[in-house]
Amino acid sequence: MAGVIQYVVVRGDLSKAMNWPLGAVVAQACHACTAVTHLFYNDTHTQAYLADLDNMHKVVLEAPDEASLQTLCTKLKENDIQHKLWIEQPENIATCLVTKPYPKDQVQSYFKKYKLLKM
């Protein structure tokens, strides 16, 4: 499906300030992507996204810290943008937020202030 995208927003401070290894940070994004796919599996856009596995489009962005990720979560909830905020256990901290697949023009504006994730 042309123009369908999934946004992945990872906390940059996990690796920079908290010294999490790269693999642990990547695992957070993987957990959140798997969870959001499960939660919204029957959604029309999710099904279209999964129907063309070789052409999935994800954008991986960086939130500076947990507060920023929580603020984004609140804004998405207020605007009925379906997503999953991953809460890592047993630490009980928000580490990553992933939207279900959406047409890019419906969700792009929520993510303009975030930069691509760099580790």
PDB file of N, CA and C in Angstrom:
ATOM      1  N   MET A   1       0.863  -1.179   0.000  1.00  0.00           N
ATOM      2  CA  MET A   1       0.000   0.000   0.000  1.00  0.00           C
ATOM      3  C   MET A   1       0.901   1.231   0.000  1.00  0.00           C
ATOM      4  N   ALA A   2       0.780   2.039  -0.991  1.00  0.00           N
ATOM      5  CA  ALA A   2       1.632   3.223  -1.127  1.00  0.00           C
ATOM      6  C   ALA A   2       1.364   4.221  -0.012  1.00  0.00           C
ATOM      7  N   GLY A   3       2.442   4.773   0.522  1.00  0.00           N
ATOM      8  CA  GLY A   3       2.310   5.831   1.504  1.00  0.00           C
ATOM      9  C   GLY A   3       1.998   5.381   2.913  1.00  0.00           C
ATOM     10  N   VAL A   4       1.993   4.065   3.183  1.00  0.00           N
ATOM     11  CA  VAL A   4       1.744   3.591   4.542  1.00  0.00           C
ATOM     12  C   VAL A   4       3.081   3.481   5.263  1.00  0.00           C
ATOM     13  N   ILE A   5       3.108   4.018   6.476  1.00  0.00           N
ATOM     14  CA  ILE A   5       4.354   4.128   7.219  1.00  0.00           C
ATOM     15  C   ILE A   5       4.120   3.769   8.678  1.00  0.00           C
ATOM     16  N   GLN A   6       5.172   3.335   9.316  1.00  0.00           N
ATOM     17  CA  GLN A   6       5.123   3.063  10.749  1.00  0.00           C
ATOM     18  C   GLN A   6       6.239   3.864  11.405  1.00  0.00           C
ATOM     19  N   TYR A   7       5.872   4.598  12.440  1.00  0.00           N
ATOM     20  CA  TYR A   7       6.858   5.399  13.178  1.00  0.00           C
ATOM     21  C   TYR A   7       7.277   4.665  14.443  1.00  0.00           C
ATOM     22  N   VAL A   8       8.590   4.621  14.658  1.00  0.00           N
ATOM     23  CA  VAL A   8       9.201   4.009  15.828  1.00  0.00           C
ATOM     24  C   VAL A   8       9.998   5.115  16.520  1.00  0.00           C
ATOM     25  N   VAL A   9       9.659   5.419  17.762  1.00  0.00           N
ATOM     26  CA  VAL A   9      10.352   6.482  18.494  1.00  0.00           C
ATOM     27  C   VAL A   9      11.006   5.857  19.722  1.00  0.00           C
ATOM     28  N   VAL A  10      12.339   5.915  19.754  1.00  0.00           N
ATOM     29  CA  VAL A  10      13.138   5.296  20.802  1.00  0.00           C
ATOM     30  C   VAL A  10      13.787   6.385  21.646  1.00  0.00           C
ATOM     31  N   ARG A  11      13.892   6.149  22.921  1.00  0.00           N
ATOM     32  CA  ARG A  11      14.573   7.098  23.804  1.00  0.00           C
ATOM     33  C   ARG A  11      16.074   7.078  23.544  1.00  0.00           C
ATOM     34  N   GLY A  12      16.617   8.217  23.187  1.00  0.00           N
ATOM     35  CA  GLY A  12      18.051   8.327  22.945  1.00  0.00           C
ATOM     36  C   GLY A  12      18.877   8.240  24.207  1.00  0.00           C
ATOM     37  N   ASP A  13      18.301   8.645  25.327  1.00  0.00           N
ATOM     38  CA  ASP A  13      19.072   8.639  26.579  1.00  0.00           C
ATOM     39  C   ASP A  13      19.324   7.230  27.120  1.00  0.00           C
ATOM     40  N   LEU A  14      18.648   6.231  26.576  1.00  0.00           N
ATOM     41  CA  LEU A  14      18.903   4.869  27.035  1.00  0.00           C
ATOM     42  C   LEU A  14      20.358   4.490  26.791  1.00  0.00           C
ATOM     43  N   SER A  15      20.863   4.832  25.610  1.00  0.00           N
ATOM     44  CA  SER A  15      22.253   4.499  25.305  1.00  0.00           C
ATOM     45  C   SER A  15      23.213   5.603  25.743  1.00  0.00           C
ATOM     46  N   LYS A  16      22.799   6.847  25.584  1.00  0.00           N
ATOM     47  CA  LYS A  16      23.708   7.970  25.846  1.00  0.00           C
ATOM     48  C   LYS A  16      23.927   8.231  27.330  1.00  0.00           C
ATOM     49  N   ALA A  17      22.871   8.303  28.098  1.00  0.00           N
ATOM     50  CA  ALA A  17      23.002   8.655  29.521  1.00  0.00           C
ATOM     51  C   ALA A  17      22.941   7.428  30.437  1.00  0.00           C
ATOM     52  N   MET A  18      22.178   6.428  30.012  1.00  0.00           N
ATOM     53  CA  MET A  18      21.969   5.267  30.883  1.00  0.00           C
ATOM     54  C   MET A  18      22.873   4.093  30.509  1.00  0.00           C
ATOM     55  N   ASN A  19      23.627   4.257  29.425  1.00  0.00           N
ATOM     56  CA  ASN A  19      24.617   3.260  28.978  1.00  0.00           C
ATOM     57  C   ASN A  19      24.045   1.879  28.663  1.00  0.00           C
ATOM     58  N   TRP A  20      22.810   1.860  28.129  1.00  0.00           N
ATOM     59  CA  TRP A  20      22.264   0.583  27.682  1.00  0.00           C
ATOM     60  C   TRP A  20      23.039   0.138  26.442  1.00  0.00           C
ATOM     61  N   PRO A  21      23.329  -1.143  26.299  1.00  0.00           N
ATOM     62  CA  PRO A  21      23.976  -1.629  25.077  1.00  0.00           C
ATOM     63  C   PRO A  21      23.040  -1.484  23.869  1.00  0.00           C
ATOM     64  N   LEU A  22      23.630  -1.356  22.691  1.00  0.00           N
ATOM     65  CA  LEU A  22      22.846  -1.193  21.468  1.00  0.00           C
ATOM     66  C   LEU A  22      21.795  -2.290  21.317  1.00  0.00           C
ATOM     67  N   GLY A  23      22.173  -3.527  21.581  1.00  0.00           N
ATOM     68  CA  GLY A  23      21.227  -4.639  21.446  1.00  0.00           C
ATOM     69  C   GLY A  23      20.013  -4.485  22.333  1.00  0.00           C
ATOM     70  N   ALA A  24      20.203  -3.995  23.545  1.00  0.00           N
ATOM     71  CA  ALA A  24      19.087  -3.803  24.470  1.00  0.00           C
ATOM     72  C   ALA A  24      18.142  -2.719  23.967  1.00  0.00           C
ATOM     73  N   VAL A  25      18.699  -1.665  23.370  1.00  0.00           N
ATOM     74  CA  VAL A  25      17.875  -0.582  22.828  1.00  0.00           C
ATOM     75  C   VAL A  25      17.096  -1.082  21.610  1.00  0.00           C
ATOM     76  N   VAL A  26      17.763  -1.820  20.744  1.00  0.00           N
ATOM     77  CA  VAL A  26      17.090  -2.372  19.562  1.00  0.00           C
ATOM     78  C   VAL A  26      15.975  -3.327  19.994  1.00  0.00           C
ATOM     79  N   ALA A  27      16.214  -4.091  21.043  1.00  0.00           N
ATOM     80  CA  ALA A  27      15.190  -5.019  21.540  1.00  0.00           C
ATOM     81  C   ALA A  27      13.925  -4.270  21.961  1.00  0.00           C
ATOM     82  N   GLN A  28      14.072  -3.073  22.515  1.00  0.00           N
ATOM     83  CA  GLN A  28      12.895  -2.287  22.920  1.00  0.00           C
ATOM     84  C   GLN A  28      12.030  -1.972  21.701  1.00  0.00           C
ATOM     85  N   ALA A  29      12.669  -1.553  20.621  1.00  0.00           N
ATOM     86  CA  ALA A  29      11.936  -1.251  19.390  1.00  0.00           C
ATOM     87  C   ALA A  29      11.280  -2.517  18.831  1.00  0.00           C
ATOM     88  N   CYS A  30      11.998  -3.626  18.898  1.00  0.00           N
ATOM     89  CA  CYS A  30      11.429  -4.893  18.409  1.00  0.00           C
ATOM     90  C   CYS A  30      10.215  -5.304  19.228  1.00  0.00           C
ATOM     91  N   HIS A  31      10.312  -5.190  20.553  1.00  0.00           N
ATOM     92  CA  HIS A  31       9.174  -5.529  21.413  1.00  0.00           C
ATOM     93  C   HIS A  31       7.964  -4.674  21.049  1.00  0.00           C
ATOM     94  N   ALA A  32       8.176  -3.367  20.921  1.00  0.00           N
ATOM     95  CA  ALA A  32       7.068  -2.445  20.644  1.00  0.00           C
ATOM     96  C   ALA A  32       6.466  -2.698  19.263  1.00  0.00           C
ATOM     97  N   CYS A  33       7.296  -2.973  18.264  1.00  0.00           N
ATOM     98  CA  CYS A  33       6.782  -3.260  16.916  1.00  0.00           C
ATOM     99  C   CYS A  33       5.950  -4.538  16.904  1.00  0.00           C
ATOM    100  N   THR A  34       6.431  -5.552  17.601  1.00  0.00           N
ATOM    101  CA  THR A  34       5.685  -6.808  17.671  1.00  0.00           C
ATOM    102  C   THR A  34       4.348  -6.599  18.385  1.00  0.00           C
ATOM    103  N   ALA A  35       4.388  -5.863  19.486  1.00  0.00           N
ATOM    104  CA  ALA A  35       3.170  -5.627  20.265  1.00  0.00           C
ATOM    105  C   ALA A  35       2.133  -4.847  19.470  1.00  0.00           C
ATOM    106  N   VAL A  36       2.559  -3.793  18.774  1.00  0.00           N
ATOM    107  CA  VAL A  36       1.596  -2.974  18.030  1.00  0.00           C
ATOM    108  C   VAL A  36       1.025  -3.758  16.849  1.00  0.00           C
ATOM    109  N   THR A  37       1.826  -4.622  16.251  1.00  0.00           N
ATOM    110  CA  THR A  37       1.320  -5.463  15.162  1.00  0.00           C
ATOM    111  C   THR A  37       0.264  -6.428  15.689  1.00  0.00           C
ATOM    112  N   HIS A  38       0.516  -6.993  16.850  1.00  0.00           N
ATOM    113  CA  HIS A  38      -0.464  -7.898  17.466  1.00  0.00           C
ATOM    114  C   HIS A  38      -1.745  -7.151  17.843  1.00  0.00           C
ATOM    115  N   LEU A  39      -1.598  -6.003  18.480  1.00  0.00           N
ATOM    116  CA  LEU A  39      -2.765  -5.244  18.950  1.00  0.00           C
ATOM    117  C   LEU A  39      -3.673  -4.783  17.819  1.00  0.00           C
ATOM    118  N   PHE A  40      -3.073  -4.410  16.698  1.00  0.00           N
ATOM    119  CA  PHE A  40      -3.843  -3.830  15.589  1.00  0.00           C
ATOM    120  C   PHE A  40      -3.782  -4.717  14.346  1.00  0.00           C
ATOM    121  N   TYR A  41      -3.636  -6.013  14.566  1.00  0.00           N
ATOM    122  CA  TYR A  41      -3.454  -6.962  13.470  1.00  0.00           C
ATOM    123  C   TYR A  41      -4.583  -6.916  12.443  1.00  0.00           C
ATOM    124  N   ASN A  42      -5.810  -6.760  12.885  1.00  0.00           N
ATOM    125  CA  ASN A  42      -6.953  -6.775  11.972  1.00  0.00           C
ATOM    126  C   ASN A  42      -7.254  -5.427  11.332  1.00  0.00           C
ATOM    127  N   ASP A  43      -6.492  -4.417  11.671  1.00  0.00           N
ATOM    128  CA  ASP A  43      -6.662  -3.090  11.086  1.00  0.00           C
ATOM    129  C   ASP A  43      -6.368  -3.138   9.579  1.00  0.00           C
ATOM    130  N   THR A  44      -7.119  -2.405   8.801  1.00  0.00           N
ATOM    131  CA  THR A  44      -6.958  -2.384   7.341  1.00  0.00           C
ATOM    132  C   THR A  44      -5.549  -1.973   6.925  1.00  0.00           C
ATOM    133  N   HIS A  45      -5.018  -0.922   7.544  1.00  0.00           N
ATOM    134  CA  HIS A  45      -3.685  -0.453   7.173  1.00  0.00           C
ATOM    135  C   HIS A  45      -2.602  -1.439   7.602  1.00  0.00           C
ATOM    136  N   THR A  46      -2.793  -2.065   8.750  1.00  0.00           N
ATOM    137  CA  THR A  46      -1.826  -3.076   9.203  1.00  0.00           C
ATOM    138  C   THR A  46      -1.806  -4.242   8.228  1.00  0.00           C
ATOM    139  N   GLN A  47      -2.970  -4.687   7.812  1.00  0.00           N
ATOM    140  CA  GLN A  47      -3.035  -5.814   6.876  1.00  0.00           C
ATOM    141  C   GLN A  47      -2.383  -5.458   5.532  1.00  0.00           C
ATOM    142  N   ALA A  48      -2.611  -4.253   5.063  1.00  0.00           N
ATOM    143  CA  ALA A  48      -1.986  -3.817   3.807  1.00  0.00           C
ATOM    144  C   ALA A  48      -0.471  -3.755   3.963  1.00  0.00           C
ATOM    145  N   TYR A  49      -0.021  -3.272   5.088  1.00  0.00           N
ATOM    146  CA  TYR A  49       1.410  -3.168   5.389  1.00  0.00           C
ATOM    147  C   TYR A  49       2.060  -4.555   5.404  1.00  0.00           C
ATOM    148  N   LEU A  50       1.380  -5.501   6.036  1.00  0.00           N
ATOM    149  CA  LEU A  50       1.916  -6.862   6.138  1.00  0.00           C
ATOM    150  C   LEU A  50       1.804  -7.640   4.825  1.00  0.00           C
ATOM    151  N   ALA A  51       0.931  -7.203   3.944  1.00  0.00           N
ATOM    152  CA  ALA A  51       0.746  -7.903   2.667  1.00  0.00           C
ATOM    153  C   ALA A  51       1.923  -7.706   1.724  1.00  0.00           C
ATOM    154  N   ASP A  52       2.755  -6.720   2.004  1.00  0.00           N
ATOM    155  CA  ASP A  52       3.905  -6.429   1.143  1.00  0.00           C
ATOM    156  C   ASP A  52       5.166  -6.327   2.008  1.00  0.00           C
ATOM    157  N   LEU A  53       5.552  -7.444   2.616  1.00  0.00           N
ATOM    158  CA  LEU A  53       6.643  -7.469   3.598  1.00  0.00           C
ATOM    159  C   LEU A  53       7.968  -6.902   3.083  1.00  0.00           C
ATOM    160  N   ASP A  54       8.232  -7.074   1.811  1.00  0.00           N
ATOM    161  CA  ASP A  54       9.510  -6.596   1.275  1.00  0.00           C
ATOM    162  C   ASP A  54       9.545  -5.090   1.054  1.00  0.00           C
ATOM    163  N   ASN A  55       8.428  -4.426   1.282  1.00  0.00           N
ATOM    164  CA  ASN A  55       8.378  -2.980   1.061  1.00  0.00           C
ATOM    165  C   ASN A  55       7.820  -2.208   2.258  1.00  0.00           C
ATOM    166  N   MET A  56       7.972  -2.781   3.467  1.00  0.00           N
ATOM    167  CA  MET A  56       7.513  -2.074   4.660  1.00  0.00           C
ATOM    168  C   MET A  56       8.359  -0.810   4.833  1.00  0.00           C
ATOM    169  N   HIS A  57       7.737   0.251   5.309  1.00  0.00           N
ATOM    170  CA  HIS A  57       8.439   1.521   5.512  1.00  0.00           C
ATOM    171  C   HIS A  57       8.293   1.926   6.976  1.00  0.00           C
ATOM    172  N   LYS A  58       9.432   1.938   7.669  1.00  0.00           N
ATOM    173  CA  LYS A  58       9.482   2.394   9.057  1.00  0.00           C
ATOM    174  C   LYS A  58      10.424   3.578   9.128  1.00  0.00           C
ATOM    175  N   VAL A  59      10.110   4.518  10.008  1.00  0.00           N
ATOM    176  CA  VAL A  59      11.022   5.623  10.302  1.00  0.00           C
ATOM    177  C   VAL A  59      11.333   5.516  11.785  1.00  0.00           C
ATOM    178  N   VAL A  60      12.632   5.418  12.114  1.00  0.00           N
ATOM    179  CA  VAL A  60      13.056   5.260  13.498  1.00  0.00           C
ATOM    180  C   VAL A  60      13.618   6.592  13.976  1.00  0.00           C
ATOM    181  N   LEU A  61      12.919   7.159  14.947  1.00  0.00           N
ATOM    182  CA  LEU A  61      13.239   8.489  15.447  1.00  0.00           C
ATOM    183  C   LEU A  61      13.696   8.421  16.902  1.00  0.00           C
ATOM    184  N   GLU A  62      14.242   9.539  17.378  1.00  0.00           N
ATOM    185  CA  GLU A  62      14.756   9.609  18.737  1.00  0.00           C
ATOM    186  C   GLU A  62      13.997  10.626  19.575  1.00  0.00           C
ATOM    187  N   ALA A  63      13.531  10.178  20.733  1.00  0.00           N
ATOM    188  CA  ALA A  63      13.002  11.076  21.762  1.00  0.00           C
ATOM    189  C   ALA A  63      14.142  11.257  22.767  1.00  0.00           C
ATOM    190  N   PRO A  64      14.350  12.466  23.257  1.00  0.00           N
ATOM    191  CA  PRO A  64      15.496  12.679  24.136  1.00  0.00           C
ATOM    192  C   PRO A  64      15.417  11.945  25.475  1.00  0.00           C
ATOM    193  N   ASP A  65      14.189  11.745  25.997  1.00  0.00           N
ATOM    194  CA  ASP A  65      14.065  11.159  27.328  1.00  0.00           C
ATOM    195  C   ASP A  65      12.653  10.613  27.526  1.00  0.00           C
ATOM    196  N   GLU A  66      12.410  10.062  28.706  1.00  0.00           N
ATOM    197  CA  GLU A  66      11.105   9.459  28.987  1.00  0.00           C
ATOM    198  C   GLU A  66       9.983  10.493  28.983  1.00  0.00           C
ATOM    199  N   ALA A  67      10.245  11.681  29.520  1.00  0.00           N
ATOM    200  CA  ALA A  67       9.208  12.720  29.560  1.00  0.00           C
ATOM    201  C   ALA A  67       8.738  13.084  28.150  1.00  0.00           C
ATOM    202  N   SER A  68       9.668  13.191  27.230  1.00  0.00           N
ATOM    203  CA  SER A  68       9.340  13.507  25.839  1.00  0.00           C
ATOM    204  C   SER A  68       8.494  12.394  25.216  1.00  0.00           C
ATOM    205  N   LEU A  69       8.854  11.149  25.509  1.00  0.00           N
ATOM    206  CA  LEU A  69       8.104  10.006  24.986  1.00  0.00           C
ATOM    207  C   LEU A  69       6.681   9.998  25.562  1.00  0.00           C
ATOM    208  N   GLN A  70       6.548  10.307  26.842  1.00  0.00           N
ATOM    209  CA  GLN A  70       5.231  10.348  27.480  1.00  0.00           C
ATOM    210  C   GLN A  70       4.377  11.480  26.899  1.00  0.00           C
ATOM    211  N   THR A  71       5.001  12.622  26.620  1.00  0.00           N
ATOM    212  CA  THR A  71       4.288  13.751  26.016  1.00  0.00           C
ATOM    213  C   THR A  71       3.758  13.369  24.635  1.00  0.00           C
ATOM    214  N   LEU A  72       4.591  12.697  23.844  1.00  0.00           N
ATOM    215  CA  LEU A  72       4.158  12.226  22.530  1.00  0.00           C
ATOM    216  C   LEU A  72       2.996  11.253  22.677  1.00  0.00           C
ATOM    217  N   CYS A  73       3.096  10.340  23.616  1.00  0.00           N
ATOM    218  CA  CYS A  73       2.033   9.357  23.853  1.00  0.00           C
ATOM    219  C   CYS A  73       0.710  10.058  24.151  1.00  0.00           C
ATOM    220  N   THR A  74       0.752  11.052  25.008  1.00  0.00           N
ATOM    221  CA  THR A  74      -0.454  11.807  25.368  1.00  0.00           C
ATOM    222  C   THR A  74      -1.050  12.498  24.150  1.00  0.00           C
ATOM    223  N   LYS A  75      -0.196  13.112  23.336  1.00  0.00           N
ATOM    224  CA  LYS A  75      -0.676  13.817  22.139  1.00  0.00           C
ATOM    225  C   LYS A  75      -1.327  12.839  21.154  1.00  0.00           C
ATOM    226  N   LEU A  76      -0.721  11.682  20.981  1.00  0.00           N
ATOM    227  CA  LEU A  76      -1.295  10.681  20.078  1.00  0.00           C
ATOM    228  C   LEU A  76      -2.638  10.180  20.596  1.00  0.00           C
ATOM    229  N   LYS A  77      -2.731   9.940  21.897  1.00  0.00           N
ATOM    230  CA  LYS A  77      -4.007   9.500  22.488  1.00  0.00           C
ATOM    231  C   LYS A  77      -5.091  10.550  22.269  1.00  0.00           C
ATOM    232  N   GLU A  78      -4.746  11.818  22.490  1.00  0.00           N
ATOM    233  CA  GLU A  78      -5.718  12.912  22.322  1.00  0.00           C
ATOM    234  C   GLU A  78      -6.250  12.988  20.899  1.00  0.00           C
ATOM    235  N   ASN A  79      -5.455  12.528  19.936  1.00  0.00           N
ATOM    236  CA  ASN A  79      -5.833  12.613  18.527  1.00  0.00           C
ATOM    237  C   ASN A  79      -6.196  11.250  17.926  1.00  0.00           C
ATOM    238  N   ASP A  80      -6.439  10.275  18.781  1.00  0.00           N
ATOM    239  CA  ASP A  80      -6.842   8.927  18.357  1.00  0.00           C
ATOM    240  C   ASP A  80      -5.882   8.281  17.364  1.00  0.00           C
ATOM    241  N   ILE A  81      -4.600   8.510  17.559  1.00  0.00           N
ATOM    242  CA  ILE A  81      -3.576   7.844  16.749  1.00  0.00           C
ATOM    243  C   ILE A  81      -3.165   6.587  17.507  1.00  0.00           C
ATOM    244  N   GLN A  82      -3.459   5.435  16.930  1.00  0.00           N
ATOM    245  CA  GLN A  82      -3.227   4.167  17.615  1.00  0.00           C
ATOM    246  C   GLN A  82      -1.743   3.822  17.642  1.00  0.00           C
ATOM    247  N   HIS A  83      -1.292   3.396  18.811  1.00  0.00           N
ATOM    248  CA  HIS A  83       0.127   3.137  19.017  1.00  0.00           C
ATOM    249  C   HIS A  83       0.302   2.227  20.228  1.00  0.00           C
ATOM    250  N   LYS A  84       1.560   1.857  20.473  1.00  0.00           N
ATOM    251  CA  LYS A  84       1.917   1.097  21.670  1.00  0.00           C
ATOM    252  C   LYS A  84       3.109   1.788  22.309  1.00  0.00           C
ATOM    253  N   LEU A  85       2.967   2.127  23.576  1.00  0.00           N
ATOM    254  CA  LEU A  85       4.077   2.632  24.369  1.00  0.00           C
ATOM    255  C   LEU A  85       4.652   1.439  25.102  1.00  0.00           C
ATOM    256  N   TRP A  86       5.905   1.098  24.805  1.00  0.00           N
ATOM    257  CA  TRP A  86       6.513  -0.064  25.438  1.00  0.00           C
ATOM    258  C   TRP A  86       7.068   0.331  26.800  1.00  0.00           C
ATOM    259  N   ILE A  87       6.641  -0.405  27.832  1.00  0.00           N
ATOM    260  CA  ILE A  87       7.111  -0.192  29.196  1.00  0.00           C
ATOM    261  C   ILE A  87       7.979  -1.396  29.561  1.00  0.00           C
ATOM    262  N   GLU A  88       9.268  -1.169  29.681  1.00  0.00           N
ATOM    263  CA  GLU A  88      10.197  -2.261  29.986  1.00  0.00           C
ATOM    264  C   GLU A  88      10.073  -2.659  31.453  1.00  0.00           C
ATOM    265  N   GLN A  89      10.015  -3.976  31.655  1.00  0.00           N
ATOM    266  CA  GLN A  89       9.939  -4.546  33.001  1.00  0.00           C
ATOM    267  C   GLN A  89      11.233  -5.304  33.299  1.00  0.00           C
ATOM    268  N   PRO A  90      11.713  -5.366  34.492  1.00  0.00           N
ATOM    269  CA  PRO A  90      11.068  -4.891  35.712  1.00  0.00           C
ATOM    270  C   PRO A  90      11.346  -3.414  36.029  1.00  0.00           C
ATOM    271  N   GLU A  91      12.067  -2.740  35.138  1.00  0.00           N
ATOM    272  CA  GLU A  91      12.423  -1.340  35.397  1.00  0.00           C
ATOM    273  C   GLU A  91      11.206  -0.418  35.449  1.00  0.00           C
ATOM    274  N   ASN A  92      10.130  -0.825  34.731  1.00  0.00           N
ATOM    275  CA  ASN A  92       8.888  -0.052  34.660  1.00  0.00           C
ATOM    276  C   ASN A  92       9.111   1.346  34.071  1.00  0.00           C
ATOM    277  N   ILE A  93       9.889   1.392  32.994  1.00  0.00           N
ATOM    278  CA  ILE A  93      10.130   2.671  32.323  1.00  0.00           C
ATOM    279  C   ILE A  93       9.721   2.582  30.857  1.00  0.00           C
ATOM    280  N   ALA A  94       9.166   3.681  30.360  1.00  0.00           N
ATOM    281  CA  ALA A  94       8.805   3.764  28.942  1.00  0.00           C
ATOM    282  C   ALA A  94      10.087   3.882  28.127  1.00  0.00           C
ATOM    283  N   THR A  95      10.241   3.020  27.139  1.00  0.00           N
ATOM    284  CA  THR A  95      11.468   3.012  26.345  1.00  0.00           C
ATOM    285  C   THR A  95      11.256   3.312  24.869  1.00  0.00           C
ATOM    286  N   CYS A  96      10.068   3.012  24.348  1.00  0.00           N
ATOM    287  CA  CYS A  96       9.839   3.118  22.911  1.00  0.00           C
ATOM    288  C   CYS A  96       8.342   3.269  22.646  1.00  0.00           C
ATOM    289  N   LEU A  97       8.013   3.979  21.590  1.00  0.00           N
ATOM    290  CA  LEU A  97       6.630   4.139  21.154  1.00  0.00           C
ATOM    291  C   LEU A  97       6.582   3.835  19.666  1.00  0.00           C
ATOM    292  N   VAL A  98       5.593   3.037  19.269  1.00  0.00           N
ATOM    293  CA  VAL A  98       5.436   2.666  17.863  1.00  0.00           C
ATOM    294  C   VAL A  98       3.979   2.850  17.457  1.00  0.00           C
ATOM    295  N   THR A  99       3.758   3.492  16.315  1.00  0.00           N
ATOM    296  CA  THR A  99       2.402   3.600  15.785  1.00  0.00           C
ATOM    297  C   THR A  99       2.073   2.348  14.989  1.00  0.00           C
ATOM    298  N   LYS A 100       0.792   2.090  14.871  1.00  0.00           N
ATOM    299  CA  LYS A 100       0.383   1.083  13.897  1.00  0.00           C
ATOM    300  C   LYS A 100       0.659   1.698  12.516  1.00  0.00           C
ATOM    301  N   PRO A 101       0.706   0.920  11.465  1.00  0.00           N
ATOM    302  CA  PRO A 101       0.881   1.508  10.141  1.00  0.00           C
ATOM    303  C   PRO A 101      -0.275   2.464   9.801  1.00  0.00           C
ATOM    304  N   TYR A 102       0.083   3.606   9.251  1.00  0.00           N
ATOM    305  CA  TYR A 102      -0.875   4.646   8.855  1.00  0.00           C
ATOM    306  C   TYR A 102      -0.458   5.237   7.515  1.00  0.00           C
ATOM    307  N   PRO A 103      -1.420   5.770   6.762  1.00  0.00           N
ATOM    308  CA  PRO A 103      -1.027   6.598   5.622  1.00  0.00           C
ATOM    309  C   PRO A 103      -0.174   7.758   6.151  1.00  0.00           C
ATOM    310  N   LYS A 104       0.931   7.987   5.499  1.00  0.00           N
ATOM    311  CA  LYS A 104       1.905   8.975   5.969  1.00  0.00           C
ATOM    312  C   LYS A 104       1.286  10.339   6.241  1.00  0.00           C
ATOM    313  N   ASP A 105       0.391  10.780   5.373  1.00  0.00           N
ATOM    314  CA  ASP A 105      -0.189  12.120   5.526  1.00  0.00           C
ATOM    315  C   ASP A 105      -1.086  12.253   6.760  1.00  0.00           C
ATOM    316  N   GLN A 106      -1.507  11.140   7.338  1.00  0.00           N
ATOM    317  CA  GLN A 106      -2.346  11.186   8.543  1.00  0.00           C
ATOM    318  C   GLN A 106      -1.546  11.356   9.830  1.00  0.00           C
ATOM    319  N   VAL A 107      -0.264  10.984   9.808  1.00  0.00           N
ATOM    320  CA  VAL A 107       0.501  10.965  11.062  1.00  0.00           C
ATOM    321  C   VAL A 107       1.824  11.722  11.037  1.00  0.00           C
ATOM    322  N   GLN A 108       2.303  12.062   9.882  1.00  0.00           N
ATOM    323  CA  GLN A 108       3.626  12.672   9.758  1.00  0.00           C
ATOM    324  C   GLN A 108       3.799  13.913  10.637  1.00  0.00           C
ATOM    325  N   SER A 109       2.784  14.718  10.766  1.00  0.00           N
ATOM    326  CA  SER A 109       2.889  15.976  11.505  1.00  0.00           C
ATOM    327  C   SER A 109       3.233  15.777  12.979  1.00  0.00           C
ATOM    328  N   TYR A 110       2.865  14.644  13.547  1.00  0.00           N
ATOM    329  CA  TYR A 110       3.149  14.385  14.961  1.00  0.00           C
ATOM    330  C   TYR A 110       4.634  14.107  15.230  1.00  0.00           C
ATOM    331  N   PHE A 111       5.385  13.831  14.175  1.00  0.00           N
ATOM    332  CA  PHE A 111       6.761  13.376  14.346  1.00  0.00           C
ATOM    333  C   PHE A 111       7.809  14.327  13.773  1.00  0.00           C
ATOM    334  N   LYS A 112       7.374  15.469  13.263  1.00  0.00           N
ATOM    335  CA  LYS A 112       8.296  16.409  12.605  1.00  0.00           C
ATOM    336  C   LYS A 112       9.407  16.921  13.518  1.00  0.00           C
ATOM    337  N   LYS A 113       9.144  17.042  14.816  1.00  0.00           N
ATOM    338  CA  LYS A 113      10.153  17.613  15.713  1.00  0.00           C
ATOM    339  C   LYS A 113      11.231  16.609  16.126  1.00  0.00           C
ATOM    340  N   TYR A 114      11.040  15.346  15.789  1.00  0.00           N
ATOM    341  CA  TYR A 114      12.008  14.313  16.164  1.00  0.00           C
ATOM    342  C   TYR A 114      13.014  14.077  15.052  1.00  0.00           C
ATOM    343  N   LYS A 115      14.237  13.786  15.444  1.00  0.00           N
ATOM    344  CA  LYS A 115      15.306  13.493  14.484  1.00  0.00           C
ATOM    345  C   LYS A 115      15.469  11.991  14.362  1.00  0.00           C
ATOM    346  N   LEU A 116      16.085  11.580  13.260  1.00  0.00           N
ATOM    347  CA  LEU A 116      16.387  10.152  13.088  1.00  0.00           C
ATOM    348  C   LEU A 116      17.268   9.679  14.235  1.00  0.00           C
ATOM    349  N   LEU A 117      17.023   8.468  14.694  1.00  0.00           N
ATOM    350  CA  LEU A 117      17.796   7.899  15.796  1.00  0.00           C
ATOM    351  C   LEU A 117      19.239   7.672  15.350  1.00  0.00           C
ATOM    352  N   LYS A 118      20.157   8.140  16.160  1.00  0.00           N
ATOM    353  CA  LYS A 118      21.591   7.900  15.937  1.00  0.00           C
ATOM    354  C   LYS A 118      22.166   7.338  17.214  1.00  0.00           C
ATOM    355  N   MET A 119      22.941   6.299  17.083  1.00  0.00           N
ATOM    356  CA  MET A 119      23.527   5.658  18.268  1.00  0.00           C
ATOM    357  C   MET A 119      25.036   5.849  18.274  1.00  0.00           C
TER     358      MET A 119
END
